[in-house]
Amino acid sequence: MREYIEERVLNIGEYIVANNATVRQAAKEFGVSKSTAHKDAADRLPKINPALAQNVRKVLDVNKSERHIRGGLATRDKYSRSNIG
């Protein structure tokens, strides 16, 4: 693996853990697609730093379990701002 990819993978992992960030937030922060950020966090990171990968997995699992709640809140906010309904 190229050195710059390894560095990005570690940076994304550290960012997710430090900020309890979603894959989308990490992707935006590092200027990569969410597919790349997810591949970095889920596939590449365990090969480079298994301990960090375990912490990232915990954050991503919490985010996944809460995403239906976030979606509902976003929809509620959308309609409350537009004064429809």
N, C-alpha and C. Protein backbone atom coordinates (compact mmCIF):
# COMPACT_ATOMS: atom_id res chain seq x y z
N MET A 1 0.85 -1.17 0.00
CA MET A 1 0.00 0.00 0.00
C MET A 1 0.90 1.24 0.00
N ARG A 2 0.48 2.22 -0.74
CA ARG A 2 1.27 3.45 -0.82
C ARG A 2 1.25 4.21 0.50
N GLU A 3 2.32 4.92 0.73
CA GLU A 3 2.48 5.61 2.01
C GLU A 3 1.39 6.65 2.26
N TYR A 4 1.03 7.41 1.22
CA TYR A 4 0.01 8.44 1.41
C TYR A 4 -1.36 7.83 1.73
N ILE A 5 -1.63 6.63 1.22
CA ILE A 5 -2.90 5.97 1.53
C ILE A 5 -2.89 5.52 2.99
N GLU A 6 -1.78 4.94 3.43
CA GLU A 6 -1.69 4.51 4.83
C GLU A 6 -1.87 5.70 5.76
N GLU A 7 -1.25 6.82 5.42
CA GLU A 7 -1.38 8.01 6.25
C GLU A 7 -2.82 8.50 6.29
N ARG A 8 -3.49 8.50 5.15
CA ARG A 8 -4.89 8.92 5.09
C ARG A 8 -5.77 7.99 5.91
N VAL A 9 -5.52 6.70 5.80
CA VAL A 9 -6.30 5.70 6.55
C VAL A 9 -6.18 5.96 8.05
N LEU A 10 -4.96 6.16 8.52
CA LEU A 10 -4.76 6.42 9.94
C LEU A 10 -5.41 7.74 10.36
N ASN A 11 -5.29 8.76 9.53
CA ASN A 11 -5.89 10.05 9.85
C ASN A 11 -7.41 9.96 9.92
N ILE A 12 -8.01 9.25 8.98
CA ILE A 12 -9.47 9.08 8.99
C ILE A 12 -9.89 8.32 10.24
N GLY A 13 -9.17 7.26 10.58
CA GLY A 13 -9.50 6.49 11.78
C GLY A 13 -9.41 7.33 13.04
N GLU A 14 -8.35 8.09 13.17
CA GLU A 14 -8.19 8.95 14.35
C GLU A 14 -9.27 10.02 14.39
N TYR A 15 -9.64 10.57 13.24
CA TYR A 15 -10.67 11.60 13.18
C TYR A 15 -12.02 11.04 13.62
N ILE A 16 -12.36 9.86 13.14
CA ILE A 16 -13.64 9.24 13.49
C ILE A 16 -13.73 9.01 14.99
N VAL A 17 -12.66 8.49 15.58
CA VAL A 17 -12.67 8.20 17.02
C VAL A 17 -12.69 9.50 17.83
N ALA A 18 -11.88 10.47 17.46
CA ALA A 18 -11.78 11.71 18.23
C ALA A 18 -13.08 12.52 18.20
N ASN A 19 -13.79 12.47 17.07
CA ASN A 19 -14.98 13.32 16.91
C ASN A 19 -16.29 12.54 16.89
N ASN A 20 -16.24 11.23 17.15
CA ASN A 20 -17.42 10.39 17.00
C ASN A 20 -18.10 10.68 15.67
N ALA A 21 -17.29 10.79 14.64
CA ALA A 21 -17.75 11.22 13.33
C ALA A 21 -18.35 10.07 12.54
N THR A 22 -19.22 10.44 11.62
CA THR A 22 -19.77 9.48 10.67
C THR A 22 -18.80 9.35 9.51
N VAL A 23 -19.03 8.36 8.67
CA VAL A 23 -18.19 8.18 7.48
C VAL A 23 -18.34 9.40 6.57
N ARG A 24 -19.55 9.92 6.45
CA ARG A 24 -19.77 11.11 5.61
C ARG A 24 -18.98 12.31 6.12
N GLN A 25 -18.98 12.51 7.43
CA GLN A 25 -18.23 13.64 8.00
C GLN A 25 -16.73 13.47 7.75
N ALA A 26 -16.23 12.26 7.93
CA ALA A 26 -14.81 12.00 7.71
C ALA A 26 -14.46 12.20 6.24
N ALA A 27 -15.31 11.73 5.36
CA ALA A 27 -15.06 11.88 3.92
C ALA A 27 -15.00 13.35 3.54
N LYS A 28 -15.91 14.13 4.07
CA LYS A 28 -15.93 15.56 3.76
C LYS A 28 -14.68 16.24 4.30
N GLU A 29 -14.28 15.88 5.50
CA GLU A 29 -13.10 16.48 6.14
C GLU A 29 -11.82 16.20 5.34
N PHE A 30 -11.72 15.00 4.78
CA PHE A 30 -10.49 14.61 4.09
C PHE A 30 -10.59 14.72 2.57
N GLY A 31 -11.72 15.17 2.07
CA GLY A 31 -11.86 15.39 0.64
C GLY A 31 -11.85 14.13 -0.20
N VAL A 32 -12.44 13.07 0.34
CA VAL A 32 -12.55 11.82 -0.40
C VAL A 32 -14.03 11.42 -0.45
N SER A 33 -14.35 10.44 -1.27
CA SER A 33 -15.73 9.98 -1.35
C SER A 33 -16.07 9.19 -0.09
N LYS A 34 -17.36 9.07 0.19
CA LYS A 34 -17.74 8.30 1.38
C LYS A 34 -17.41 6.83 1.19
N SER A 35 -17.39 6.35 -0.07
CA SER A 35 -17.00 4.97 -0.33
C SER A 35 -15.53 4.75 0.03
N THR A 36 -14.69 5.71 -0.31
CA THR A 36 -13.27 5.61 0.02
C THR A 36 -13.07 5.68 1.53
N ALA A 37 -13.77 6.60 2.18
CA ALA A 37 -13.65 6.73 3.64
C ALA A 37 -14.10 5.44 4.33
N HIS A 38 -15.17 4.85 3.83
CA HIS A 38 -15.66 3.61 4.43
C HIS A 38 -14.68 2.46 4.19
N LYS A 39 -14.14 2.37 3.00
CA LYS A 39 -13.16 1.32 2.70
C LYS A 39 -11.92 1.50 3.56
N ASP A 40 -11.49 2.74 3.73
CA ASP A 40 -10.34 3.01 4.59
C ASP A 40 -10.61 2.55 6.02
N ALA A 41 -11.78 2.91 6.55
CA ALA A 41 -12.09 2.62 7.95
C ALA A 41 -12.39 1.14 8.18
N ALA A 42 -13.07 0.51 7.24
CA ALA A 42 -13.53 -0.86 7.46
C ALA A 42 -12.56 -1.92 6.95
N ASP A 43 -11.89 -1.67 5.83
CA ASP A 43 -11.06 -2.70 5.23
C ASP A 43 -9.56 -2.49 5.42
N ARG A 44 -9.11 -1.27 5.19
CA ARG A 44 -7.67 -1.02 5.22
C ARG A 44 -7.13 -0.82 6.63
N LEU A 45 -7.88 -0.15 7.47
CA LEU A 45 -7.40 0.17 8.82
C LEU A 45 -7.08 -1.07 9.66
N PRO A 46 -7.89 -2.13 9.64
CA PRO A 46 -7.55 -3.31 10.45
C PRO A 46 -6.20 -3.93 10.09
N LYS A 47 -5.77 -3.78 8.84
CA LYS A 47 -4.49 -4.33 8.42
C LYS A 47 -3.32 -3.46 8.89
N ILE A 48 -3.59 -2.16 9.07
CA ILE A 48 -2.53 -1.22 9.44
C ILE A 48 -2.43 -1.07 10.95
N ASN A 49 -3.59 -0.88 11.61
CA ASN A 49 -3.62 -0.63 13.06
C ASN A 49 -4.87 -1.28 13.66
N PRO A 50 -4.79 -2.55 14.03
CA PRO A 50 -5.97 -3.26 14.53
C PRO A 50 -6.61 -2.64 15.78
N ALA A 51 -5.82 -2.06 16.65
CA ALA A 51 -6.37 -1.46 17.87
C ALA A 51 -7.23 -0.24 17.53
N LEU A 52 -6.72 0.61 16.66
CA LEU A 52 -7.48 1.78 16.23
C LEU A 52 -8.72 1.34 15.46
N ALA A 53 -8.59 0.31 14.66
CA ALA A 53 -9.71 -0.21 13.87
C ALA A 53 -10.84 -0.67 14.78
N GLN A 54 -10.50 -1.25 15.90
CA GLN A 54 -11.51 -1.72 16.84
C GLN A 54 -12.30 -0.54 17.42
N ASN A 55 -11.59 0.54 17.74
CA ASN A 55 -12.26 1.73 18.26
C ASN A 55 -13.13 2.39 17.19
N VAL A 56 -12.64 2.41 15.97
CA VAL A 56 -13.42 2.98 14.86
C VAL A 56 -14.67 2.15 14.65
N ARG A 57 -14.56 0.84 14.70
CA ARG A 57 -15.71 -0.04 14.51
C ARG A 57 -16.79 0.24 15.55
N LYS A 58 -16.39 0.49 16.80
CA LYS A 58 -17.36 0.80 17.85
C LYS A 58 -18.13 2.08 17.52
N VAL A 59 -17.41 3.11 17.08
CA VAL A 59 -18.06 4.38 16.72
C VAL A 59 -19.00 4.18 15.54
N LEU A 60 -18.55 3.46 14.53
CA LEU A 60 -19.37 3.24 13.34
C LEU A 60 -20.61 2.39 13.67
N ASP A 61 -20.47 1.44 14.57
CA ASP A 61 -21.62 0.64 14.97
C ASP A 61 -22.66 1.48 15.70
N VAL A 62 -22.21 2.39 16.56
CA VAL A 62 -23.14 3.29 17.25
C VAL A 62 -23.84 4.18 16.23
N ASN A 63 -23.06 4.73 15.28
CA ASN A 63 -23.65 5.58 14.25
C ASN A 63 -24.70 4.82 13.44
N LYS A 64 -24.40 3.58 13.12
CA LYS A 64 -25.33 2.77 12.33
C LYS A 64 -26.61 2.51 13.11
N SER A 65 -26.48 2.27 14.40
CA SER A 65 -27.67 1.98 15.21
C SER A 65 -28.54 3.23 15.42
N GLU A 66 -27.95 4.41 15.25
CA GLU A 66 -28.70 5.66 15.47
C GLU A 66 -29.16 6.32 14.19
N ARG A 67 -28.80 5.80 13.04
CA ARG A 67 -29.06 6.53 11.80
C ARG A 67 -30.54 6.69 11.50
N HIS A 68 -31.37 5.74 11.89
CA HIS A 68 -32.80 5.90 11.63
C HIS A 68 -33.38 7.05 12.46
N ILE A 69 -32.80 7.29 13.62
CA ILE A 69 -33.25 8.40 14.47
C ILE A 69 -32.83 9.72 13.85
N ARG A 70 -31.58 9.80 13.39
CA ARG A 70 -31.10 11.03 12.74
C ARG A 70 -31.92 11.36 11.51
N GLY A 71 -32.28 10.34 10.74
CA GLY A 71 -33.08 10.56 9.54
C GLY A 71 -34.44 11.12 9.88
N GLY A 72 -35.05 10.59 10.92
CA GLY A 72 -36.35 11.09 11.34
C GLY A 72 -36.28 12.53 11.83
N LEU A 73 -35.22 12.86 12.56
CA LEU A 73 -35.05 14.24 13.05
C LEU A 73 -34.82 15.19 11.88
N ALA A 74 -34.04 14.76 10.90
CA ALA A 74 -33.77 15.61 9.74
C ALA A 74 -35.06 15.86 8.96
N THR A 75 -35.89 14.84 8.82
CA THR A 75 -37.16 15.00 8.11
C THR A 75 -38.08 15.95 8.88
N ARG A 76 -38.14 15.79 10.18
CA ARG A 76 -38.97 16.68 11.00
C ARG A 76 -38.52 18.13 10.86
N ASP A 77 -37.20 18.35 10.93
CA ASP A 77 -36.67 19.70 10.80
C ASP A 77 -36.96 20.28 9.42
N LYS A 78 -36.83 19.45 8.40
CA LYS A 78 -37.09 19.91 7.03
C LYS A 78 -38.51 20.44 6.90
N TYR A 79 -39.48 19.69 7.41
CA TYR A 79 -40.88 20.11 7.26
C TYR A 79 -41.25 21.21 8.23
N SER A 80 -40.60 21.32 9.35
CA SER A 80 -40.91 22.41 10.27
C SER A 80 -40.37 23.73 9.73
N ARG A 81 -39.29 23.70 8.97
CA ARG A 81 -38.75 24.92 8.36
C ARG A 81 -39.57 25.38 7.16
N SER A 82 -40.16 24.42 6.44
CA SER A 82 -40.87 24.79 5.22
C SER A 82 -42.32 25.18 5.47
N ASN A 83 -42.78 25.06 6.73
CA ASN A 83 -44.15 25.42 7.11
C ASN A 83 -45.19 24.64 6.32
N ILE A 84 -44.85 23.44 5.92
CA ILE A 84 -45.81 22.56 5.25
C ILE A 84 -46.30 21.56 6.30
N GLY A 85 -47.58 21.40 6.35
CA GLY A 85 -48.14 20.39 7.25
C GLY A 85 -48.18 20.88 8.60
